[in-house]
Protein backbone atom coordinates (compact mmCIF):
# COMPACT_ATOMS: atom_id res chain seq x y z
CA MET A 1 22.47 -13.48 -8.94
CA THR A 2 22.28 -12.77 -5.35
CA PRO A 3 18.61 -11.95 -4.22
CA ILE A 4 17.77 -8.28 -3.15
CA ARG A 5 16.34 -7.40 0.18
CA ALA A 6 14.15 -4.64 1.54
CA ALA A 7 15.35 -1.04 1.37
CA THR A 8 16.32 0.03 4.88
CA PRO A 9 16.63 3.25 6.73
CA LYS A 10 20.64 3.47 5.89
CA ASP A 11 19.74 2.62 2.25
CA ALA A 12 17.63 5.59 2.05
CA ALA A 13 20.51 7.99 3.51
CA LYS A 14 22.64 6.36 0.80
CA LEU A 15 19.95 7.35 -1.99
CA ILE A 16 20.36 10.76 -1.07
CA ALA A 17 23.66 11.14 -0.12
CA LEU A 18 24.20 9.84 -4.28
CA GLY A 19 21.29 12.24 -5.18
CA ALA A 20 23.03 14.83 -3.80
CA ILE A 21 26.22 14.11 -5.43
CA TRP A 22 24.99 13.36 -9.30
CA GLY A 23 22.69 16.33 -8.82
CA SER A 24 25.82 18.35 -8.56
CA ALA A 25 27.65 17.12 -11.65
CA PHE A 26 25.38 19.09 -13.79
CA MET A 27 26.66 22.12 -12.52
CA CYS A 28 30.55 20.83 -12.62
CA ILE A 29 30.04 19.56 -16.55
CA GLU A 30 28.82 23.09 -17.31
CA VAL A 31 32.21 24.80 -15.53
CA ALA A 32 34.31 21.98 -17.33
CA LEU A 33 32.75 22.96 -20.58
CA GLN A 34 34.78 25.86 -20.33
CA SER A 35 37.99 24.64 -20.90
CA PHE A 36 37.23 20.82 -21.85
CA SER A 37 35.07 19.22 -24.54
CA PRO A 38 32.90 16.79 -24.15
CA LEU A 39 35.12 14.04 -25.34
CA LEU A 40 37.61 15.08 -22.71
CA ILE A 41 35.16 15.64 -20.14
CA ALA A 42 34.01 11.79 -19.73
CA VAL A 43 37.31 10.10 -20.56
CA PHE A 44 39.00 12.29 -17.49
CA ARG A 45 35.89 11.48 -15.26
CA ILE A 46 36.42 8.01 -16.23
CA VAL A 47 40.07 8.05 -15.60
CA PHE A 48 40.20 9.86 -12.44
CA ALA A 49 37.38 7.57 -11.14
CA ALA A 50 38.94 4.33 -12.39
CA VAL A 51 42.42 5.15 -10.31
CA LEU A 52 40.46 6.09 -7.11
CA LEU A 53 38.72 3.30 -7.00
CA VAL A 54 41.00 0.66 -8.30
CA GLY A 55 43.43 1.91 -5.52
CA PHE A 56 40.84 1.57 -2.97
CA THR A 57 39.86 -2.11 -4.07
CA LEU A 58 43.48 -3.30 -3.52
CA ALA A 59 44.39 -1.00 -0.42
CA ALA A 60 41.46 -3.25 0.84
CA GLY A 61 43.25 -6.20 0.19
CA LEU A 62 40.81 -7.16 -2.73
CA ARG A 63 41.99 -7.97 -6.11
CA LEU A 64 40.48 -7.54 -9.39
CA PRO A 65 38.48 -10.58 -10.85
CA ARG A 66 40.75 -13.18 -13.66
CA ALA A 67 37.81 -14.36 -14.75
CA PRO A 68 37.44 -13.46 -18.64
CA ARG A 69 33.36 -13.87 -18.59
CA ASP A 70 33.60 -11.21 -15.80
CA TRP A 71 35.98 -8.50 -17.81
CA ILE A 72 33.03 -8.84 -20.65
CA THR A 73 30.23 -8.33 -18.72
CA MET A 74 32.34 -5.20 -16.79
CA THR A 75 33.23 -3.83 -20.44
CA VAL A 76 29.61 -4.26 -21.30
CA VAL A 77 28.08 -2.64 -18.08
CA GLY A 78 31.19 0.38 -18.55
CA LEU A 79 29.96 1.05 -21.80
CA PHE A 80 26.38 1.98 -20.43
CA VAL A 81 27.26 2.91 -16.88
CA ALA A 82 29.89 5.14 -17.91
CA THR A 83 31.29 6.04 -21.27
CA LEU A 84 27.71 6.60 -23.29
CA PRO A 85 25.86 8.65 -20.49
CA PHE A 86 29.06 10.61 -19.62
CA LEU A 87 29.55 11.26 -23.27
CA LEU A 88 26.07 12.17 -23.91
CA ILE A 89 25.15 14.42 -20.91
CA SER A 90 28.39 16.34 -22.06
CA TRP A 91 27.33 16.53 -25.23
CA GLY A 92 23.82 17.47 -24.63
CA GLN A 93 25.19 20.63 -21.84
CA GLN A 94 26.24 22.22 -24.54
CA HIS A 95 22.91 23.06 -25.71
CA ILE A 96 20.97 23.26 -22.20
CA PRO A 97 21.58 24.40 -18.74
CA ALA A 98 22.63 22.27 -16.42
CA SER A 99 19.51 22.43 -14.12
CA MET A 100 17.62 21.07 -17.46
CA ALA A 101 19.75 18.29 -17.73
CA ALA A 102 19.76 16.79 -14.12
CA ILE A 103 15.21 17.29 -14.81
CA LEU A 104 15.98 15.56 -17.69
CA MET A 105 17.52 12.71 -16.27
CA GLY A 106 14.31 12.14 -13.73
CA LEU A 107 12.99 10.11 -16.92
CA GLY A 108 15.25 7.27 -16.23
CA PRO A 109 13.26 4.98 -13.69
CA PHE A 110 10.93 4.72 -16.19
CA ALA A 111 12.32 2.90 -18.44
CA ALA A 112 14.34 0.98 -15.17
CA LEU A 113 10.68 -0.09 -14.35
CA LEU A 114 9.79 -1.33 -17.63
CA LEU A 115 13.51 -3.42 -18.26
CA ASN A 116 13.27 -4.77 -14.67
CA HIS A 117 10.00 -5.83 -14.90
CA ALA A 118 10.94 -7.85 -18.51
CA PHE A 119 13.83 -9.16 -17.09
CA THR A 120 14.21 -9.85 -13.38
CA SER A 121 11.94 -12.06 -11.28
CA ASP A 122 12.38 -10.29 -8.17
CA ASP A 123 12.27 -6.42 -9.00
CA ARG A 124 8.27 -6.50 -10.32
CA LEU A 125 6.46 -4.13 -10.85
CA THR A 126 4.10 -3.49 -8.02
CA LEU A 127 1.32 -0.90 -6.81
CA PRO A 128 3.88 0.61 -4.24
CA LYS A 129 6.72 1.02 -6.85
CA LEU A 130 3.95 2.05 -9.20
CA ALA A 131 2.69 4.79 -7.23
CA GLY A 132 6.42 5.97 -6.12
CA MET A 133 7.37 6.58 -8.91
CA LEU A 134 4.21 8.18 -10.15
CA LEU A 135 4.59 10.73 -7.62
CA GLY A 136 8.42 11.26 -8.35
CA PHE A 137 7.26 12.12 -11.62
CA ALA A 138 4.53 14.29 -11.12
CA GLY A 139 7.75 16.10 -8.89
CA ILE A 140 9.81 16.35 -11.81
CA ALA A 141 6.72 17.52 -13.91
CA THR A 142 6.15 20.31 -11.53
CA LEU A 143 9.61 21.82 -11.59
CA VAL A 144 10.14 21.52 -15.39
CA GLY A 145 6.38 21.72 -16.87
CA LEU A 146 5.97 21.10 -20.61
CA GLU A 147 7.31 24.74 -20.96
CA GLY A 148 10.58 23.85 -20.12
CA LEU A 149 10.75 20.49 -21.49
CA LEU A 150 9.90 21.69 -24.97
CA SER A 151 11.05 25.26 -24.95
CA GLY A 152 13.65 26.24 -27.96
CA ARG A 153 13.79 23.89 -31.29
CA ALA A 154 17.71 24.34 -31.36
CA ALA A 155 17.58 22.43 -27.81
CA LEU A 156 15.54 19.62 -28.45
CA VAL A 157 18.55 17.50 -29.74
CA GLY A 158 20.90 18.44 -26.58
CA GLN A 159 17.36 17.20 -24.42
CA LEU A 160 17.34 13.97 -26.44
CA ALA A 161 20.61 13.30 -25.57
CA VAL A 162 20.71 13.87 -21.96
CA LEU A 163 17.15 11.33 -21.96
CA GLY A 164 19.84 8.78 -24.09
CA ALA A 165 22.06 9.27 -21.25
CA ALA A 166 19.11 8.63 -19.13
CA PHE A 167 18.18 4.76 -20.42
CA CYS A 168 21.67 4.20 -21.02
CA TYR A 169 21.33 4.22 -16.65
CA ALA A 170 18.87 2.52 -16.73
CA LEU A 171 20.02 -0.02 -18.65
CA SER A 172 22.94 -0.36 -16.92
CA GLY A 173 21.38 -1.01 -13.90
CA LEU A 174 19.66 -4.33 -14.80
CA LEU A 175 23.54 -5.45 -16.14
CA THR A 176 24.89 -4.45 -12.99
CA ARG A 177 23.33 -7.10 -11.36
CA ARG A 178 25.24 -9.49 -13.73
CA LEU A 179 28.07 -8.51 -11.17
CA SER A 180 26.44 -9.17 -7.61
CA HIS A 181 28.88 -11.97 -6.94
CA LEU A 182 31.67 -9.59 -6.48
CA ASP A 183 32.13 -7.29 -3.62
CA PRO A 184 30.65 -3.65 -5.10
CA ARG A 185 34.24 -1.96 -4.99
CA VAL A 186 35.72 -4.79 -7.26
CA SER A 187 32.74 -4.27 -9.76
CA ALA A 188 32.90 -0.85 -9.76
CA GLY A 189 36.73 -0.28 -9.80
CA GLY A 190 36.74 -2.71 -12.83
CA VAL A 191 33.56 -1.43 -14.74
CA LEU A 192 35.63 2.05 -14.80
CA LEU A 193 38.85 0.70 -15.43
CA SER A 194 37.77 -1.38 -18.66
CA ALA A 195 35.62 1.78 -19.81
CA GLY A 196 38.95 3.76 -19.49
CA LEU A 197 41.46 1.53 -21.08
CA TYR A 198 39.51 1.58 -24.65
CA LEU A 199 38.01 5.48 -24.10
CA LEU A 200 41.29 6.91 -23.19
CA PRO A 201 43.54 6.07 -26.22
CA VAL A 202 40.44 7.28 -28.56
CA ALA A 203 40.19 10.50 -26.75
CA LEU A 204 43.85 11.13 -27.23
CA LEU A 205 44.24 10.11 -30.70
CA LEU A 206 40.77 12.85 -31.45
CA ASP A 207 41.15 15.56 -29.19
CA PRO A 208 44.52 15.56 -27.37
CA PRO A 209 44.52 17.87 -24.43
CA TRP A 210 48.17 18.79 -24.67
CA ALA A 211 47.79 22.11 -25.74
CA LEU A 212 44.67 23.16 -23.31
CA ARG A 213 45.18 25.86 -21.05
CA PRO A 214 42.41 25.04 -18.87
CA SER A 215 40.93 27.58 -16.04
CA GLY A 216 41.49 27.07 -12.22
CA GLU A 217 37.95 26.50 -12.17
CA ALA A 218 37.28 23.92 -14.60
CA LEU A 219 40.12 21.56 -13.66
CA ALA A 220 38.39 21.80 -10.54
CA ALA A 221 35.32 20.74 -11.76
CA LEU A 222 36.84 18.62 -13.84
CA ILE A 223 38.55 16.62 -10.55
CA PHE A 224 35.18 16.75 -8.45
CA LEU A 225 33.59 15.08 -11.71
CA GLY A 226 36.05 12.26 -11.32
CA LEU A 227 36.88 11.85 -7.76
CA VAL A 228 33.41 12.49 -6.16
CA SER A 229 30.82 12.32 -8.22
CA SER A 230 32.25 9.28 -10.77
CA GLY A 231 34.38 7.26 -7.91
CA PHE A 232 32.51 7.66 -4.76
CA ALA A 233 29.19 7.95 -6.52
CA TYR A 234 29.57 4.70 -8.48
CA LEU A 235 30.75 2.78 -5.26
CA LEU A 236 27.46 3.92 -3.90
CA ARG A 237 25.34 3.07 -7.05
CA PHE A 238 26.75 -0.62 -7.37
CA GLN A 239 26.07 -0.93 -3.78
CA LEU A 240 22.56 -0.05 -4.05
CA ILE A 241 21.80 -1.79 -6.59
CA LYS A 242 23.41 -5.17 -5.07
CA ASP A 243 21.23 -4.71 -1.87
CA THR A 244 18.04 -3.34 -3.16
CA GLY A 245 17.89 -3.81 -6.83
CA ALA A 246 17.89 -1.53 -9.58
CA VAL A 247 14.28 0.04 -9.59
CA TYR A 248 14.73 0.97 -5.65
CA MET A 249 18.32 2.62 -6.47
CA SER A 250 17.03 4.22 -10.02
CA GLN A 251 14.65 6.51 -7.52
CA VAL A 252 17.58 8.59 -7.38
CA SER A 253 16.53 10.36 -10.52
CA TYR A 254 13.67 11.89 -8.75
CA LEU A 255 16.56 13.27 -6.50
CA VAL A 256 18.91 14.33 -9.18
CA PRO A 257 16.38 16.86 -10.65
CA VAL A 258 15.65 18.82 -7.30
CA PHE A 259 19.86 18.65 -6.08
CA GLY A 260 20.80 19.35 -9.33
CA VAL A 261 18.60 22.80 -9.63
CA PHE A 262 19.46 23.60 -5.90
CA TRP A 263 23.31 23.40 -7.24
CA ALA A 264 23.05 25.38 -10.15
CA TRP A 265 20.81 27.99 -8.52
CA LEU A 266 24.09 28.18 -5.37
CA PHE A 267 26.58 28.53 -7.63
CA LEU A 268 25.43 29.57 -11.26
CA GLY A 269 22.64 31.86 -10.46
CA GLN A 270 19.96 29.55 -12.46
CA VAL A 271 17.45 30.95 -9.93
CA PRO A 272 14.52 28.22 -9.54
CA ARG A 273 10.95 28.27 -9.38
CA GLU A 274 8.57 28.30 -5.99
CA ALA A 275 7.80 24.82 -7.65
CA ALA A 276 11.11 23.56 -6.89
CA TRP A 277 9.98 23.09 -3.45
CA ILE A 278 6.66 21.62 -3.92
CA ALA A 279 8.69 18.84 -6.45
CA LEU A 280 10.95 18.13 -3.35
CA VAL A 281 8.17 17.26 -1.40
CA LEU A 282 6.50 15.26 -4.21
CA VAL A 283 9.58 13.18 -4.97
CA LEU A 284 10.81 12.58 -1.13
CA LEU A 285 6.79 11.36 -0.86
CA GLY A 286 7.66 9.06 -4.02
CA ILE A 287 10.17 7.27 -2.34
CA ASN A 288 8.50 6.33 0.49
CA VAL A 289 5.62 4.92 -1.10
CA SER A 290 7.61 2.90 -3.20
CA ARG A 291 8.84 1.13 -0.10
CA LEU A 292 6.28 0.31 1.39
CA LYS A 293 5.05 -3.37 0.70
CA ARG A 294 1.04 -4.36 0.06
CA ARG A 295 -0.40 -6.43 2.90
CA ARG A 296 -1.24 -10.01 1.96
CA SER A 297 -4.71 -10.89 3.31
CA GLN A 298 -4.84 -13.09 5.97
CA PRO A 299 -6.61 -16.57 5.89
CA ALA A 300 -10.12 -16.30 8.08
CA GLY A 301 -9.90 -18.29 11.82
């Protein structure tokens, strides 16, 4: 695997952009659910994104891998980076609002931290990373509060589904490094293509869309989910994992709740509390702290 490097300001800008894009996905899912089932939302997100990324890859003069081992890895990664989380989030949002789903996704870095500390040698737990993640978690806790996480027994299953999606993303971040020898455009396109090849027939068999008459708003939300929140965003995600490691990239989960709440307030009228602004400061501070390096003691003399 290609060794990771220290994050740069450009990487931080990519991380923030990714947080804004993924934060908007929960709002779009809530709108798309007005006309589409969770299964159709998941499959169309994957298909739209796969067409975009594969087309972009071929236009750039790159080729999809030929080695069967790469395709096996991409299929496994696709299961955890697209198929399962897309299904779980869409299904969960039938029972909880967009802002709550975005907040719950902020718990993903803790799973990523444990997985990468246990299974990698160059992405280990350090005091700055731990301090940064604790600050980020404090921001999430400030934003949602205990009452928000536990309110309503009917929403519990939906909350658990979204938490399951967060764990899938954390695991996929670890698996994605197995594709670090490939260009990020190739690996991103191949992963989504492999997911679409097995999920599309299932969706057409179980939930055929032929009789649907979706609203223009729902259709626009679905297209945005596929082309931007999945296609463009996954290209950023794979690049960040390759360059800076899964733990650094996983900190996007601290930004997603902030942007998710903001977009839900702006477009869906889900008014945020004042605590959201405190959370934003803590989240951004946590990201900066996690980038700090521990100083090594210098020998005397």
